[in-house]
Protein backbone atom coordinates (compact mmCIF):
# COMPACT_ATOMS: atom_id res chain seq x y z
CA MET A 1 91.15 32.17 53.39
CA CYS A 2 89.22 30.01 55.80
CA SER A 3 86.99 27.14 54.76
CA SER A 4 83.82 29.01 55.74
CA PHE A 5 84.04 30.93 52.47
CA GLU A 6 82.21 29.60 49.45
CA PRO A 7 84.87 28.55 46.89
CA HIS A 8 85.23 30.74 43.86
CA ASP A 9 88.06 31.31 41.45
CA ASP A 10 88.15 35.06 41.04
CA PHE A 11 91.52 35.50 42.79
CA VAL A 12 92.77 36.20 39.28
CA ALA A 13 91.61 35.45 35.76
CA PRO A 14 94.41 33.28 34.28
CA GLU A 15 93.46 34.11 30.71
CA ASN A 16 93.65 37.86 31.29
CA PRO A 17 96.86 39.39 29.81
CA VAL A 18 96.52 42.51 31.97
CA GLU A 19 96.68 40.51 35.18
CA TRP A 20 99.55 38.42 33.85
CA SER A 21 101.47 41.66 33.33
CA LEU A 22 100.61 42.98 36.78
CA LEU A 23 101.44 39.73 38.55
CA GLY A 24 104.75 39.44 36.71
CA GLY A 25 104.20 35.94 35.44
CA GLU A 26 101.81 33.25 34.29
CA PRO A 27 99.67 31.54 36.95
CA ARG A 28 101.07 27.99 37.33
CA TYR A 29 100.25 26.70 40.81
CA ARG A 30 97.42 25.60 43.06
CA LYS A 31 97.42 26.95 46.60
CA SER A 32 98.56 23.62 48.08
CA GLU A 33 101.52 23.61 45.69
CA VAL A 34 102.49 27.15 46.68
CA ALA A 35 102.43 26.23 50.37
CA ARG A 36 104.48 23.06 49.79
CA LEU A 37 107.12 24.79 47.66
CA ALA A 38 107.36 27.66 50.16
CA GLY A 39 107.74 25.22 53.04
CA VAL A 40 104.70 26.36 55.04
CA GLU A 41 101.50 24.67 56.12
CA LEU A 42 98.54 25.40 53.86
CA SER A 43 96.51 26.69 56.82
CA ARG A 44 99.23 29.22 57.60
CA ALA A 45 99.40 30.38 53.97
CA GLU A 46 95.62 30.79 53.91
CA ARG A 47 95.68 32.85 57.12
CA LEU A 48 98.25 35.18 55.56
CA TRP A 49 96.33 35.53 52.29
CA GLN A 50 93.14 36.24 54.22
CA ALA A 51 94.94 38.87 56.34
CA MET A 52 96.11 40.51 53.12
CA GLY A 53 92.51 40.72 51.93
CA PHE A 54 92.85 38.31 49.00
CA ALA A 55 89.79 36.48 47.76
CA HIS A 56 89.30 32.82 48.59
CA VAL A 57 90.01 30.27 45.85
CA SER A 58 89.09 26.63 45.46
CA ASP A 59 91.64 23.86 45.97
CA GLU A 60 91.97 23.15 42.23
CA ALA A 61 92.25 26.73 40.96
CA VAL A 62 95.57 27.35 39.17
CA VAL A 63 95.99 31.03 39.97
CA PHE A 64 99.35 31.45 41.73
CA THR A 65 102.73 32.48 40.35
CA ASP A 66 106.36 32.17 41.37
CA PHE A 67 106.01 35.50 43.15
CA ASP A 68 103.51 33.96 45.58
CA ILE A 69 106.04 31.28 46.50
CA THR A 70 108.80 33.86 46.97
CA ALA A 71 106.56 36.02 49.17
CA LEU A 72 105.67 33.14 51.50
CA ARG A 73 109.32 32.14 51.76
CA THR A 74 110.18 35.73 52.68
CA VAL A 75 107.63 35.75 55.50
CA VAL A 76 109.04 32.47 56.82
CA ARG A 77 112.58 33.87 56.80
CA LEU A 78 111.54 37.07 58.59
CA VAL A 79 109.73 35.11 61.29
CA SER A 80 112.59 32.61 61.65
CA ALA A 81 115.07 35.48 62.01
CA GLU A 82 112.76 37.03 64.66
CA VAL A 83 112.38 40.19 62.58
CA ILE A 84 108.63 39.58 62.82
CA PRO A 85 107.35 37.89 66.03
CA PRO A 86 105.25 34.81 65.14
CA GLU A 87 102.22 36.15 67.01
CA LEU A 88 102.29 39.34 64.88
CA GLU A 89 102.68 37.62 61.52
CA THR A 90 99.09 38.11 60.34
CA ALA A 91 98.87 41.60 61.90
CA VAL A 92 101.88 42.72 59.87
CA ALA A 93 100.36 41.21 56.72
CA ARG A 94 97.04 42.94 57.39
CA SER A 95 98.64 46.35 58.02
CA LEU A 96 100.77 46.11 54.88
CA ALA A 97 97.77 45.03 52.81
CA GLN A 98 95.60 47.96 53.95
CA THR A 99 98.21 50.45 52.78
CA MET A 100 98.97 48.65 49.52
CA SER A 101 95.29 48.16 48.68
CA ARG A 102 94.62 51.91 48.81
CA LEU A 103 97.72 52.57 46.72
CA ALA A 104 96.62 49.99 44.13
CA GLU A 105 93.12 51.51 43.90
CA TRP A 106 94.67 54.90 43.15
CA GLN A 107 97.08 53.48 40.58
CA VAL A 108 94.35 51.62 38.69
CA GLY A 109 92.49 54.92 38.60
CA ILE A 110 95.52 56.42 36.86
CA PHE A 111 95.48 53.61 34.27
CA LYS A 112 91.80 54.24 33.60
CA SER A 113 92.20 58.00 33.23
CA VAL A 114 95.18 57.62 30.87
CA LEU A 115 93.70 54.86 28.70
CA GLY A 116 90.04 55.87 28.71
CA GLU A 117 87.86 53.36 26.86
CA SER A 118 90.92 51.36 25.86
CA PHE A 119 91.32 50.27 29.48
CA THR A 120 88.54 47.72 29.10
CA GLY A 121 88.15 47.68 25.31
CA ASP A 122 91.74 46.81 24.37
CA ARG A 123 93.30 44.61 27.02
CA GLU A 124 96.45 43.94 25.01
CA THR A 125 97.21 47.67 24.99
CA THR A 126 96.40 47.92 28.70
CA ALA A 127 98.80 45.05 29.38
CA GLN A 128 101.57 46.75 27.40
CA VAL A 129 101.05 50.03 29.26
CA ALA A 130 101.11 48.17 32.58
CA GLU A 131 104.40 46.49 31.71
CA ALA A 132 105.92 49.87 30.82
CA ILE A 133 104.62 51.81 33.83
CA LEU A 134 105.03 49.25 36.62
CA PRO A 135 108.85 49.46 36.91
CA VAL A 136 108.62 53.25 37.14
CA MET A 137 105.96 53.05 39.86
CA GLU A 138 107.93 50.44 41.79
CA HIS A 139 111.01 52.66 41.71
CA LEU A 140 109.03 55.68 42.90
CA GLN A 141 107.37 53.68 45.67
CA GLY A 142 110.77 52.47 46.82
CA TYR A 143 112.13 56.02 46.88
CA VAL A 144 109.22 57.42 48.89
CA TRP A 145 109.32 54.47 51.32
CA ARG A 146 113.05 54.85 51.94
CA ARG A 147 112.71 58.60 52.53
CA HIS A 148 109.93 58.09 55.08
CA LEU A 149 111.83 55.22 56.67
CA SER A 150 114.91 57.41 57.03
CA ALA A 151 112.94 60.31 58.54
CA ILE A 152 111.15 58.11 61.07
CA ALA A 153 114.34 56.24 62.00
CA ALA A 154 116.17 59.55 62.53
CA ARG A 155 113.38 60.81 64.77
CA GLU A 156 113.40 57.63 66.85
CA LEU A 157 117.20 57.60 67.14
CA ASN A 158 117.17 61.18 68.42
CA GLU A 159 114.80 60.25 71.25
CA SER A 160 116.24 59.35 74.63
CA GLU A 161 116.99 55.69 75.29
CA ASP A 162 114.43 55.53 78.10
CA ARG A 163 111.65 56.66 75.76
CA ALA A 164 108.28 55.29 76.87
CA GLU A 165 106.65 52.51 74.89
CA GLU A 166 103.57 54.75 74.66
CA PRO A 167 104.99 58.14 73.54
CA THR A 168 103.40 61.47 74.34
CA LEU A 169 102.05 63.04 71.16
CA VAL A 170 99.51 65.63 70.13
CA VAL A 171 96.75 63.95 68.13
CA GLY A 172 94.60 65.96 65.75
CA PHE A 173 91.48 65.34 63.70
CA ALA A 174 90.35 67.62 60.87
CA ASP A 175 86.84 66.98 59.57
CA ILE A 176 85.03 68.50 56.57
CA VAL A 177 81.79 70.19 57.65
CA GLY A 178 78.64 69.00 55.86
CA TYR A 179 80.32 66.09 54.08
CA THR A 180 77.16 63.94 54.18
CA ARG A 181 75.24 66.63 52.29
CA LEU A 182 78.07 67.00 49.79
CA ILE A 183 77.93 63.29 49.00
CA ARG A 184 74.23 63.67 48.23
CA ASP A 185 74.49 66.87 46.19
CA TYR A 186 77.81 66.48 44.35
CA SER A 187 78.49 64.37 41.29
CA GLU A 188 81.25 61.76 41.56
CA ILE A 189 83.62 63.98 39.58
CA GLU A 190 82.90 67.00 41.80
CA LEU A 191 83.35 64.94 44.96
CA ALA A 192 86.62 63.49 43.67
CA ARG A 193 87.95 66.98 42.96
CA LEU A 194 86.96 68.15 46.41
CA ILE A 195 88.70 65.21 48.11
CA ASP A 196 91.81 65.68 45.97
CA THR A 197 91.94 69.38 46.88
CA PHE A 198 91.38 68.60 50.57
CA GLU A 199 94.08 65.92 50.72
CA GLU A 200 96.60 68.04 48.81
CA LEU A 201 96.02 71.00 51.14
CA VAL A 202 96.21 69.06 54.42
CA THR A 203 99.25 67.07 53.29
CA GLY A 204 101.14 70.26 52.52
CA VAL A 205 100.17 72.11 55.72
CA ILE A 206 100.90 69.16 58.01
CA ALA A 207 104.29 68.49 56.41
CA GLU A 208 105.27 72.17 56.48
CA ASN A 209 104.65 72.31 60.24
CA HIS A 210 106.47 69.11 61.23
CA GLY A 211 103.39 66.94 61.65
CA ARG A 212 102.68 63.48 60.27
CA ILE A 213 99.53 62.15 58.67
CA VAL A 214 98.41 58.88 60.22
CA LYS A 215 95.52 58.28 57.82
CA THR A 216 92.75 59.91 55.84
CA VAL A 217 89.23 58.49 55.85
CA GLY A 218 86.98 60.20 53.34
CA ASP A 219 86.19 63.57 54.88
CA GLU A 220 88.59 63.30 57.82
CA VAL A 221 92.33 63.33 58.39
CA LEU A 222 94.07 62.02 61.52
CA PHE A 223 97.50 63.52 62.21
CA VAL A 224 100.05 63.69 65.01
CA ALA A 225 102.73 66.18 66.06
CA ASP A 226 105.50 66.02 68.65
CA THR A 227 104.62 69.36 70.27
CA ALA A 228 101.47 71.31 70.98
CA GLY A 229 102.98 74.32 69.23
CA ASP A 230 103.37 72.40 65.97
CA ALA A 231 99.89 70.90 66.28
CA GLY A 232 98.33 74.30 67.00
CA GLU A 233 100.06 75.83 64.00
CA ILE A 234 98.83 72.98 61.81
CA ALA A 235 95.24 73.37 62.99
CA LEU A 236 95.07 77.14 62.57
CA SER A 237 96.89 77.07 59.24
CA LEU A 238 94.48 74.44 57.95
CA ASN A 239 91.49 76.62 58.71
CA GLU A 240 93.19 79.67 57.20
CA ARG A 241 94.16 77.85 54.01
CA VAL A 242 90.73 76.26 53.65
CA ALA A 243 89.13 79.71 53.95
CA GLU A 244 91.19 80.78 50.94
CA GLU A 245 90.03 77.80 48.88
CA PRO A 246 86.52 78.41 47.49
CA ARG A 247 86.01 74.74 46.59
CA LEU A 248 86.39 73.54 50.18
CA PRO A 249 83.84 73.72 53.00
CA PRO A 250 85.15 74.73 56.45
CA LEU A 251 86.77 72.25 58.83
CA ARG A 252 86.22 71.23 62.42
CA ILE A 253 89.46 70.42 64.23
CA GLY A 254 90.19 68.83 67.60
CA LEU A 255 93.56 68.45 69.35
CA ALA A 256 94.48 66.38 72.40
CA SER A 257 97.85 65.73 74.03
CA GLY A 258 98.86 62.60 75.90
CA ARG A 259 100.10 59.03 75.72
CA VAL A 260 99.21 57.05 72.60
CA LEU A 261 99.76 53.49 71.49
CA ALA A 262 101.45 53.55 68.08
CA ARG A 263 100.89 50.26 66.27
CA PHE A 264 101.42 49.35 62.60
CA GLY A 265 101.23 52.95 61.44
CA ASP A 266 98.07 53.80 63.41
CA VAL A 267 97.51 55.34 66.85
CA TYR A 268 95.18 54.24 69.63
CA GLY A 269 94.15 55.23 73.15
CA SER A 270 92.13 57.75 75.10
CA THR A 271 94.08 60.68 73.66
CA VAL A 272 92.91 59.73 70.17
CA ASN A 273 89.33 59.37 71.41
CA ILE A 274 89.41 62.79 73.11
CA ALA A 275 90.69 64.46 69.94
CA SER A 276 87.88 62.81 67.99
CA ARG A 277 85.22 63.93 70.51
CA LEU A 278 86.54 67.50 70.46
CA THR A 279 86.25 67.51 66.67
CA THR A 280 82.55 66.66 66.90
CA LEU A 281 82.05 69.50 69.41
CA ALA A 282 83.90 72.12 67.37
CA ARG A 283 82.01 74.70 65.35
CA PRO A 284 82.83 75.14 61.65
CA ALA A 285 86.23 76.78 61.06
CA SER A 286 87.21 76.41 64.73
CA VAL A 287 89.82 74.48 66.73
CA LEU A 288 89.18 72.90 70.14
CA VAL A 289 91.94 71.57 72.39
CA ASP A 290 91.96 69.53 75.59
CA ARG A 291 93.36 70.48 79.01
CA GLU A 292 96.86 69.07 78.42
CA CYS A 293 97.22 70.69 75.03
CA ALA A 294 95.91 74.01 76.35
CA SER A 295 98.44 73.93 79.19
CA GLU A 296 101.31 73.69 76.69
CA LEU A 297 99.89 76.24 74.25
CA ARG A 298 99.33 78.78 77.04
CA GLU A 299 103.11 79.15 77.28
CA LEU A 300 103.34 80.30 73.64
CA SER A 301 102.55 83.96 73.03
CA ARG A 302 101.40 83.46 69.45
CA PHE A 303 98.27 81.58 70.57
CA ASP A 304 95.13 82.66 72.40
CA LEU A 305 92.87 80.28 74.36
CA THR A 306 89.25 80.69 75.48
CA ALA A 307 87.83 78.22 78.02
CA LEU A 308 84.49 76.71 77.03
CA GLY A 309 83.78 74.75 80.19
CA PRO A 310 82.75 71.10 80.62
CA ASN A 311 80.85 69.31 77.84
CA LYS A 312 78.59 66.32 78.00
CA VAL A 313 80.30 63.71 75.84
CA SER A 314 79.65 59.98 76.00
CA GLY A 315 82.52 58.25 77.76
CA PHE A 316 84.17 61.51 78.91
CA ARG A 317 82.30 63.08 81.83
CA GLY A 318 83.02 66.77 82.21
CA LEU A 319 85.35 66.99 79.21
CA LYS A 320 86.78 70.53 79.19
CA ALA A 321 87.71 72.28 75.97
CA TRP A 322 89.46 75.47 74.94
CA ALA A 323 88.99 77.32 71.66
CA LEU A 324 92.33 78.01 70.00
CA ARG A 325 92.97 81.19 68.00
CA ARG A 326 95.94 83.26 66.98
CA ALA A 327 96.91 85.95 69.47
CA GLY A 328 95.82 89.45 68.52
């Protein structure tokens, strides 16, 4: 929320009963009042709100609730207790906001599909539905979060104490072939069904084979696995399952093994870039792997590898790839 933004007051509409229900209270405060009551400088509060992706508001707009004060106080306590390093304060806020924003978009879509025309035509009813559904959603979100937190903590605790800061993982990309054409030719409803089918399929296959989804971006999913064997099984199973689903086009998949930087739920580094480049080189319904991944997979009898030789790829001179298939 820096001063370079033109002031506008669409952070929330105070007279809107739906937003009152969703925010859990009536807007009562200006942003300077929120900062003062939370015990933080206004500039710091604005940096956090901007990192969370919230719209800028003018100095006199009364759009904040008691929850905003509580949230700022919580951040202050976490930083003071050194749970969050001060230099990572806005990065943590930004990472959390990116996840929550996608979740909120999906949940509003549920409201709209359930209520139909009443969603916009009868705001009192929409507000009542929101008040009834929100506690259930919060409980479910808490359950899923705790389960994932437990699984990740258990995995980390089982690693050796001298585990490298940049762990060795197998990174995979799975990309829908011809997605640009589909966007042009499909209706919004058809495209939504395709994406739903794609995400449901990849989520199931990756979970079944001990992988973890890092993120999905439209036509592409980025995943990681601890071993090349798990990653290879994920990749081949994805292509096999997609071939059985008439609504889905084929996939291109690339796998690379090596050190990665894991940060705020995402992964970075040359291993990620190699996996992405291999995906662009792959033919429809095929899987390409890099040298390191091929070396590990060669030890497993259930896989077959065919060398393709060096490829001209920007940033990776002489990148070698192997086509992965099931043995026999």
